[in-house]
Amino acid sequence: MTLPTEDLKAFVEKKIPFVERMGLRALDLRRGYVKLTAPYEGNENHIGTLYAGALFTLAEIPGGALFLTSFDTDRFFPVVKEMTLRFLKPAITEVTVEVSLKDDEIARIQTEADQTGKAEFSLEGEIRDARGNVVATSRGVYQIRKFEE
């Protein structure tokens, strides 16, 4: 199943109430590529920088978003297995993250999932502030799993 881009954006931005409350927005969703952003306003912490939980959410959501653009959503669903976030600088502006998978890696993952019922993949991202500074790096391990028949 492939959803139209606007439906994909709405799903990513609104399906999880917490994500909708934080104001996360999908800037670009296409096969093998996702770019998301989160605002500073409403996501500040007690010292006036972007809350670590908002940065974590921005780093984690791309795995599910990329799944929606690249895999068989009628037969499989995604889960996050591991997430590592390294905070480098305080963020005091909106932030963005981009992740991607090449077509041959997407094909490998889908083939493995077809054969075994599940497959893992990793995504690495850089979270950047409005000036382009890397404020955090992330590495997520995700798995697609076959729905029970």
N, C-alpha and C. Protein backbone atom coordinates (compact mmCIF):
# COMPACT_ATOMS: atom_id res chain seq x y z
N MET A 1 0.84 -1.18 0.00
CA MET A 1 0.00 0.00 0.00
C MET A 1 0.88 1.24 0.00
N THR A 2 0.63 2.15 -0.91
CA THR A 2 1.33 3.41 -0.94
C THR A 2 0.31 4.53 -0.79
N LEU A 3 0.48 5.33 0.26
CA LEU A 3 -0.43 6.44 0.51
C LEU A 3 0.04 7.68 -0.24
N PRO A 4 -0.89 8.55 -0.63
CA PRO A 4 -0.49 9.83 -1.20
C PRO A 4 0.33 10.62 -0.17
N THR A 5 1.21 11.49 -0.65
CA THR A 5 2.14 12.22 0.22
C THR A 5 1.42 12.96 1.34
N GLU A 6 0.32 13.63 1.05
CA GLU A 6 -0.39 14.37 2.10
C GLU A 6 -0.95 13.45 3.18
N ASP A 7 -1.40 12.27 2.78
CA ASP A 7 -1.89 11.29 3.77
C ASP A 7 -0.73 10.76 4.61
N LEU A 8 0.43 10.53 3.98
CA LEU A 8 1.62 10.11 4.73
C LEU A 8 2.01 11.16 5.76
N LYS A 9 2.04 12.43 5.32
CA LYS A 9 2.40 13.51 6.25
C LYS A 9 1.43 13.57 7.42
N ALA A 10 0.14 13.49 7.14
CA ALA A 10 -0.86 13.53 8.21
C ALA A 10 -0.67 12.36 9.17
N PHE A 11 -0.37 11.18 8.65
CA PHE A 11 -0.16 9.99 9.49
C PHE A 11 1.04 10.21 10.41
N VAL A 12 2.16 10.67 9.85
CA VAL A 12 3.37 10.89 10.64
C VAL A 12 3.15 11.98 11.69
N GLU A 13 2.48 13.04 11.32
CA GLU A 13 2.30 14.20 12.21
C GLU A 13 1.20 14.02 13.25
N LYS A 14 0.19 13.20 12.98
CA LYS A 14 -0.99 13.17 13.84
C LYS A 14 -1.35 11.81 14.44
N LYS A 15 -0.79 10.72 13.97
CA LYS A 15 -1.19 9.39 14.44
C LYS A 15 -0.87 9.18 15.92
N ILE A 16 0.25 9.69 16.37
CA ILE A 16 0.66 9.57 17.78
C ILE A 16 0.37 10.91 18.45
N PRO A 17 -0.55 10.96 19.42
CA PRO A 17 -0.94 12.24 20.03
C PRO A 17 0.24 13.05 20.57
N PHE A 18 1.21 12.40 21.19
CA PHE A 18 2.37 13.13 21.71
C PHE A 18 3.11 13.86 20.59
N VAL A 19 3.30 13.18 19.47
CA VAL A 19 4.00 13.78 18.32
C VAL A 19 3.23 14.99 17.80
N GLU A 20 1.91 14.86 17.73
CA GLU A 20 1.10 15.99 17.29
C GLU A 20 1.21 17.16 18.26
N ARG A 21 1.17 16.89 19.57
CA ARG A 21 1.28 17.96 20.58
C ARG A 21 2.61 18.69 20.49
N MET A 22 3.69 17.98 20.17
CA MET A 22 5.00 18.64 20.12
C MET A 22 5.18 19.44 18.83
N GLY A 23 4.29 19.26 17.86
CA GLY A 23 4.36 20.05 16.63
C GLY A 23 5.31 19.53 15.57
N LEU A 24 5.70 18.26 15.66
CA LEU A 24 6.58 17.68 14.64
C LEU A 24 5.92 17.79 13.27
N ARG A 25 6.73 18.13 12.26
CA ARG A 25 6.23 18.26 10.89
C ARG A 25 7.10 17.45 9.93
N ALA A 26 6.44 16.81 8.99
CA ALA A 26 7.13 16.07 7.93
C ALA A 26 7.39 17.03 6.77
N LEU A 27 8.66 17.29 6.49
CA LEU A 27 9.03 18.20 5.40
C LEU A 27 9.16 17.48 4.07
N ASP A 28 9.65 16.23 4.12
CA ASP A 28 9.86 15.47 2.89
C ASP A 28 9.76 13.99 3.21
N LEU A 29 8.86 13.31 2.52
CA LEU A 29 8.66 11.88 2.70
C LEU A 29 8.63 11.24 1.33
N ARG A 30 9.62 10.39 1.07
CA ARG A 30 9.63 9.65 -0.20
C ARG A 30 10.39 8.35 0.02
N ARG A 31 10.30 7.47 -0.95
CA ARG A 31 10.96 6.17 -0.82
C ARG A 31 12.43 6.36 -0.43
N GLY A 32 12.80 5.79 0.71
CA GLY A 32 14.18 5.81 1.15
C GLY A 32 14.67 7.12 1.76
N TYR A 33 13.78 8.09 1.96
CA TYR A 33 14.23 9.39 2.48
C TYR A 33 13.13 10.06 3.31
N VAL A 34 13.54 10.59 4.46
CA VAL A 34 12.62 11.30 5.35
C VAL A 34 13.35 12.51 5.92
N LYS A 35 12.64 13.66 5.94
CA LYS A 35 13.14 14.86 6.60
C LYS A 35 12.02 15.41 7.46
N LEU A 36 12.29 15.53 8.77
CA LEU A 36 11.32 16.00 9.74
C LEU A 36 11.85 17.20 10.49
N THR A 37 10.94 17.99 11.06
CA THR A 37 11.34 19.14 11.86
C THR A 37 10.47 19.23 13.11
N ALA A 38 11.00 19.86 14.14
CA ALA A 38 10.25 20.12 15.37
C ALA A 38 10.53 21.55 15.79
N PRO A 39 9.50 22.25 16.26
CA PRO A 39 9.69 23.64 16.67
C PRO A 39 10.36 23.75 18.03
N TYR A 40 10.98 24.88 18.26
CA TYR A 40 11.51 25.19 19.59
C TYR A 40 10.36 25.56 20.53
N GLU A 41 9.48 26.42 20.04
CA GLU A 41 8.37 26.91 20.86
C GLU A 41 7.49 25.76 21.31
N GLY A 42 7.26 25.68 22.62
CA GLY A 42 6.44 24.62 23.18
C GLY A 42 7.23 23.38 23.57
N ASN A 43 8.50 23.31 23.20
CA ASN A 43 9.34 22.16 23.50
C ASN A 43 10.57 22.53 24.33
N GLU A 44 10.50 23.68 25.00
CA GLU A 44 11.63 24.14 25.81
C GLU A 44 11.68 23.38 27.14
N ASN A 45 12.87 23.33 27.71
CA ASN A 45 13.03 22.73 29.03
C ASN A 45 13.18 23.83 30.09
N HIS A 46 13.56 23.45 31.29
CA HIS A 46 13.68 24.37 32.42
C HIS A 46 14.83 25.36 32.31
N ILE A 47 15.77 25.16 31.38
CA ILE A 47 16.89 26.10 31.22
C ILE A 47 16.82 26.86 29.90
N GLY A 48 15.71 26.72 29.18
CA GLY A 48 15.51 27.52 27.97
C GLY A 48 16.10 26.92 26.70
N THR A 49 16.42 25.63 26.71
CA THR A 49 16.88 24.97 25.49
C THR A 49 15.84 23.91 25.12
N LEU A 50 16.01 23.32 23.95
CA LEU A 50 15.06 22.30 23.51
C LEU A 50 15.15 21.09 24.43
N TYR A 51 14.00 20.61 24.87
CA TYR A 51 13.90 19.48 25.78
C TYR A 51 14.46 18.21 25.14
N ALA A 52 15.23 17.46 25.91
CA ALA A 52 15.86 16.23 25.41
C ALA A 52 14.82 15.24 24.86
N GLY A 53 13.65 15.17 25.49
CA GLY A 53 12.61 14.27 25.01
C GLY A 53 12.09 14.65 23.63
N ALA A 54 12.06 15.95 23.34
CA ALA A 54 11.65 16.41 22.01
C ALA A 54 12.70 16.01 20.98
N LEU A 55 13.97 16.16 21.33
CA LEU A 55 15.04 15.74 20.43
C LEU A 55 15.00 14.23 20.20
N PHE A 56 14.74 13.48 21.26
CA PHE A 56 14.66 12.03 21.13
C PHE A 56 13.51 11.64 20.21
N THR A 57 12.36 12.26 20.39
CA THR A 57 11.21 11.94 19.54
C THR A 57 11.50 12.25 18.08
N LEU A 58 12.12 13.40 17.83
CA LEU A 58 12.48 13.77 16.47
C LEU A 58 13.46 12.76 15.88
N ALA A 59 14.33 12.19 16.69
CA ALA A 59 15.30 11.20 16.21
C ALA A 59 14.67 9.84 15.97
N GLU A 60 13.62 9.49 16.74
CA GLU A 60 13.03 8.15 16.68
C GLU A 60 11.97 8.00 15.60
N ILE A 61 11.15 9.01 15.40
CA ILE A 61 10.01 8.93 14.47
C ILE A 61 10.43 8.64 13.01
N PRO A 62 11.59 9.08 12.54
CA PRO A 62 11.94 8.80 11.14
C PRO A 62 11.94 7.32 10.75
N GLY A 63 12.20 6.42 11.69
CA GLY A 63 12.18 4.99 11.36
C GLY A 63 10.81 4.53 10.92
N GLY A 64 9.78 4.96 11.63
CA GLY A 64 8.42 4.63 11.24
C GLY A 64 8.00 5.33 9.97
N ALA A 65 8.41 6.59 9.84
CA ALA A 65 8.08 7.36 8.63
C ALA A 65 8.73 6.73 7.40
N LEU A 66 9.98 6.33 7.54
CA LEU A 66 10.67 5.72 6.41
C LEU A 66 10.03 4.37 6.06
N PHE A 67 9.60 3.63 7.08
CA PHE A 67 8.88 2.38 6.84
C PHE A 67 7.67 2.64 5.94
N LEU A 68 6.90 3.67 6.27
CA LEU A 68 5.68 3.98 5.50
C LEU A 68 5.97 4.28 4.04
N THR A 69 7.12 4.86 3.76
CA THR A 69 7.44 5.25 2.38
C THR A 69 8.12 4.14 1.58
N SER A 70 8.59 3.10 2.27
CA SER A 70 9.52 2.18 1.60
C SER A 70 9.18 0.69 1.68
N PHE A 71 8.24 0.31 2.55
CA PHE A 71 7.99 -1.11 2.76
C PHE A 71 6.50 -1.45 2.61
N ASP A 72 6.21 -2.74 2.59
CA ASP A 72 4.87 -3.24 2.40
C ASP A 72 4.06 -3.08 3.69
N THR A 73 3.31 -1.99 3.80
CA THR A 73 2.55 -1.69 5.01
C THR A 73 1.31 -2.55 5.18
N ASP A 74 0.91 -3.29 4.15
CA ASP A 74 -0.22 -4.20 4.28
C ASP A 74 0.18 -5.49 4.99
N ARG A 75 1.45 -5.86 4.89
CA ARG A 75 1.91 -7.14 5.44
C ARG A 75 2.82 -7.00 6.66
N PHE A 76 3.40 -5.81 6.85
CA PHE A 76 4.41 -5.62 7.90
C PHE A 76 4.12 -4.37 8.72
N PHE A 77 4.70 -4.32 9.92
CA PHE A 77 4.63 -3.13 10.78
C PHE A 77 6.02 -2.91 11.37
N PRO A 78 6.34 -1.66 11.74
CA PRO A 78 7.67 -1.36 12.28
C PRO A 78 7.68 -1.29 13.81
N VAL A 79 8.82 -1.62 14.39
CA VAL A 79 9.07 -1.38 15.82
C VAL A 79 10.48 -0.85 15.97
N VAL A 80 10.69 -0.05 17.01
CA VAL A 80 12.04 0.42 17.31
C VAL A 80 12.62 -0.55 18.34
N LYS A 81 13.85 -0.99 18.11
CA LYS A 81 14.51 -1.94 19.02
C LYS A 81 15.55 -1.27 19.90
N GLU A 82 16.15 -0.21 19.36
CA GLU A 82 17.24 0.45 20.10
C GLU A 82 17.37 1.87 19.57
N MET A 83 17.68 2.80 20.47
CA MET A 83 17.87 4.18 20.05
C MET A 83 18.99 4.78 20.88
N THR A 84 19.95 5.37 20.20
CA THR A 84 21.05 6.05 20.86
C THR A 84 21.06 7.49 20.38
N LEU A 85 21.13 8.41 21.32
CA LEU A 85 21.17 9.83 21.00
C LEU A 85 22.35 10.45 21.72
N ARG A 86 23.15 11.17 20.98
CA ARG A 86 24.30 11.86 21.57
C ARG A 86 24.05 13.36 21.45
N PHE A 87 23.95 14.03 22.59
CA PHE A 87 23.69 15.46 22.63
C PHE A 87 25.02 16.20 22.51
N LEU A 88 25.12 17.10 21.54
CA LEU A 88 26.37 17.80 21.28
C LEU A 88 26.35 19.27 21.67
N LYS A 89 25.24 19.94 21.40
CA LYS A 89 25.08 21.36 21.71
C LYS A 89 23.64 21.63 22.10
N PRO A 90 23.40 22.64 22.93
CA PRO A 90 22.01 22.99 23.22
C PRO A 90 21.34 23.56 21.97
N ALA A 91 20.08 23.22 21.78
CA ALA A 91 19.31 23.76 20.65
C ALA A 91 18.37 24.84 21.19
N ILE A 92 18.38 26.00 20.53
CA ILE A 92 17.49 27.09 20.94
C ILE A 92 16.68 27.61 19.74
N THR A 93 16.58 26.75 18.72
CA THR A 93 15.79 27.05 17.53
C THR A 93 15.03 25.78 17.14
N GLU A 94 14.24 25.86 16.09
CA GLU A 94 13.66 24.63 15.54
C GLU A 94 14.80 23.72 15.12
N VAL A 95 14.52 22.44 15.02
CA VAL A 95 15.53 21.45 14.63
C VAL A 95 14.98 20.54 13.54
N THR A 96 15.89 19.98 12.73
CA THR A 96 15.51 19.05 11.67
C THR A 96 16.39 17.82 11.72
N VAL A 97 15.87 16.74 11.16
CA VAL A 97 16.63 15.51 11.02
C VAL A 97 16.32 14.92 9.65
N GLU A 98 17.31 14.29 9.04
CA GLU A 98 17.15 13.60 7.77
C GLU A 98 17.74 12.20 7.92
N VAL A 99 17.05 11.22 7.37
CA VAL A 99 17.56 9.85 7.32
C VAL A 99 17.26 9.27 5.95
N SER A 100 18.06 8.27 5.58
CA SER A 100 17.83 7.66 4.27
C SER A 100 18.31 6.22 4.25
N LEU A 101 17.73 5.46 3.32
CA LEU A 101 18.16 4.11 3.01
C LEU A 101 18.25 4.00 1.49
N LYS A 102 19.28 3.35 1.00
CA LYS A 102 19.42 3.14 -0.44
C LYS A 102 18.49 2.03 -0.90
N ASP A 103 18.17 2.05 -2.18
CA ASP A 103 17.24 1.07 -2.75
C ASP A 103 17.69 -0.37 -2.52
N ASP A 104 19.00 -0.64 -2.64
CA ASP A 104 19.46 -2.01 -2.44
C ASP A 104 19.30 -2.47 -0.99
N GLU A 105 19.42 -1.55 -0.04
CA GLU A 105 19.20 -1.89 1.37
C GLU A 105 17.71 -2.11 1.63
N ILE A 106 16.85 -1.31 1.03
CA ILE A 106 15.41 -1.52 1.15
C ILE A 106 15.04 -2.89 0.60
N ALA A 107 15.58 -3.24 -0.55
CA ALA A 107 15.30 -4.55 -1.16
C ALA A 107 15.79 -5.68 -0.27
N ARG A 108 16.98 -5.54 0.32
CA ARG A 108 17.51 -6.57 1.23
C ARG A 108 16.58 -6.77 2.42
N ILE A 109 16.15 -5.67 3.02
CA ILE A 109 15.29 -5.74 4.20
C ILE A 109 13.96 -6.40 3.85
N GLN A 110 13.35 -5.99 2.75
CA GLN A 110 12.06 -6.55 2.35
C GLN A 110 12.19 -8.04 2.03
N THR A 111 13.26 -8.42 1.34
CA THR A 111 13.47 -9.85 1.01
C THR A 111 13.63 -10.67 2.27
N GLU A 112 14.44 -10.18 3.21
CA GLU A 112 14.64 -10.91 4.47
C GLU A 112 13.32 -11.03 5.24
N ALA A 113 12.54 -9.95 5.28
CA ALA A 113 11.25 -9.98 5.98
C ALA A 113 10.28 -10.94 5.29
N ASP A 114 10.30 -10.97 3.98
CA ASP A 114 9.44 -11.90 3.24
C ASP A 114 9.80 -13.35 3.58
N GLN A 115 11.10 -13.62 3.73
CA GLN A 115 11.57 -14.98 3.96
C GLN A 115 11.44 -15.43 5.42
N THR A 116 11.67 -14.51 6.36
CA THR A 116 11.73 -14.89 7.77
C THR A 116 10.62 -14.29 8.63
N GLY A 117 9.88 -13.35 8.09
CA GLY A 117 8.83 -12.70 8.85
C GLY A 117 9.28 -11.45 9.58
N LYS A 118 10.59 -11.15 9.52
CA LYS A 118 11.09 -9.93 10.15
C LYS A 118 12.46 -9.59 9.60
N ALA A 119 12.85 -8.33 9.77
CA ALA A 119 14.17 -7.88 9.34
C ALA A 119 14.52 -6.59 10.06
N GLU A 120 15.79 -6.44 10.40
CA GLU A 120 16.27 -5.24 11.07
C GLU A 120 16.95 -4.30 10.09
N PHE A 121 16.91 -3.01 10.45
CA PHE A 121 17.68 -2.01 9.72
C PHE A 121 18.07 -0.90 10.69
N SER A 122 19.14 -0.20 10.35
CA SER A 122 19.63 0.91 11.17
C SER A 122 19.54 2.21 10.40
N LEU A 123 19.28 3.27 11.14
CA LEU A 123 19.26 4.62 10.57
C LEU A 123 20.12 5.53 11.43
N GLU A 124 20.96 6.32 10.78
CA GLU A 124 21.76 7.31 11.48
C GLU A 124 21.32 8.69 11.03
N GLY A 125 21.22 9.59 11.99
CA GLY A 125 20.79 10.94 11.67
C GLY A 125 21.60 12.00 12.39
N GLU A 126 21.54 13.18 11.85
CA GLU A 126 22.10 14.36 12.49
C GLU A 126 20.96 15.34 12.70
N ILE A 127 20.78 15.76 13.93
CA ILE A 127 19.77 16.75 14.24
C ILE A 127 20.45 18.11 14.18
N ARG A 128 19.91 18.98 13.33
CA ARG A 128 20.51 20.30 13.10
C ARG A 128 19.57 21.41 13.54
N ASP A 129 20.17 22.49 14.05
CA ASP A 129 19.37 23.66 14.40
C ASP A 129 19.15 24.52 13.16
N ALA A 130 18.47 25.65 13.33
CA ALA A 130 18.13 26.51 12.19
C ALA A 130 19.36 27.10 11.51
N ARG A 131 20.47 27.14 12.19
CA ARG A 131 21.72 27.66 11.60
C ARG A 131 22.56 26.56 10.94
N GLY A 132 22.08 25.32 11.00
CA GLY A 132 22.80 24.22 10.38
C GLY A 132 23.77 23.52 11.31
N ASN A 133 23.85 23.94 12.57
CA ASN A 133 24.74 23.30 13.54
C ASN A 133 24.17 21.94 13.95
N VAL A 134 25.03 20.93 14.02
CA VAL A 134 24.61 19.62 14.50
C VAL A 134 24.52 19.70 16.02
N VAL A 135 23.31 19.53 16.55
CA VAL A 135 23.10 19.60 18.00
C VAL A 135 23.02 18.21 18.63
N ALA A 136 22.77 17.19 17.82
CA ALA A 136 22.73 15.82 18.32
C ALA A 136 22.89 14.86 17.14
N THR A 137 23.38 13.68 17.45
CA THR A 137 23.44 12.60 16.45
C THR A 137 22.64 11.43 17.00
N SER A 138 22.09 10.64 16.08
CA SER A 138 21.26 9.51 16.51
C SER A 138 21.59 8.26 15.71
N ARG A 139 21.30 7.14 16.34
CA ARG A 139 21.37 5.85 15.66
C ARG A 139 20.22 5.01 16.18
N GLY A 140 19.34 4.63 15.28
CA GLY A 140 18.20 3.81 15.66
C GLY A 140 18.25 2.45 14.98
N VAL A 141 17.88 1.42 15.71
CA VAL A 141 17.75 0.08 15.15
C VAL A 141 16.25 -0.22 15.15
N TYR A 142 15.74 -0.52 13.98
CA TYR A 142 14.32 -0.78 13.79
C TYR A 142 14.15 -2.18 13.24
N GLN A 143 12.94 -2.67 13.35
CA GLN A 143 12.63 -3.98 12.79
C GLN A 143 11.27 -3.90 12.13
N ILE A 144 11.16 -4.51 10.95
CA ILE A 144 9.83 -4.70 10.38
C ILE A 144 9.42 -6.13 10.67
N ARG A 145 8.16 -6.30 11.07
CA ARG A 145 7.63 -7.62 11.42
C ARG A 145 6.37 -7.89 10.63
N LYS A 146 6.20 -9.13 10.28
CA LYS A 146 5.02 -9.55 9.54
C LYS A 146 3.82 -9.62 10.48
N PHE A 147 2.67 -9.13 10.02
CA PHE A 147 1.43 -9.27 10.76
C PHE A 147 1.11 -10.76 10.87
N GLU A 148 0.52 -11.13 11.98
CA GLU A 148 0.06 -12.52 12.17
C GLU A 148 -1.07 -12.79 11.19
N GLU A 149 -1.07 -13.95 10.59
CA GLU A 149 -2.12 -14.30 9.62
C GLU A 149 -3.22 -15.10 10.27
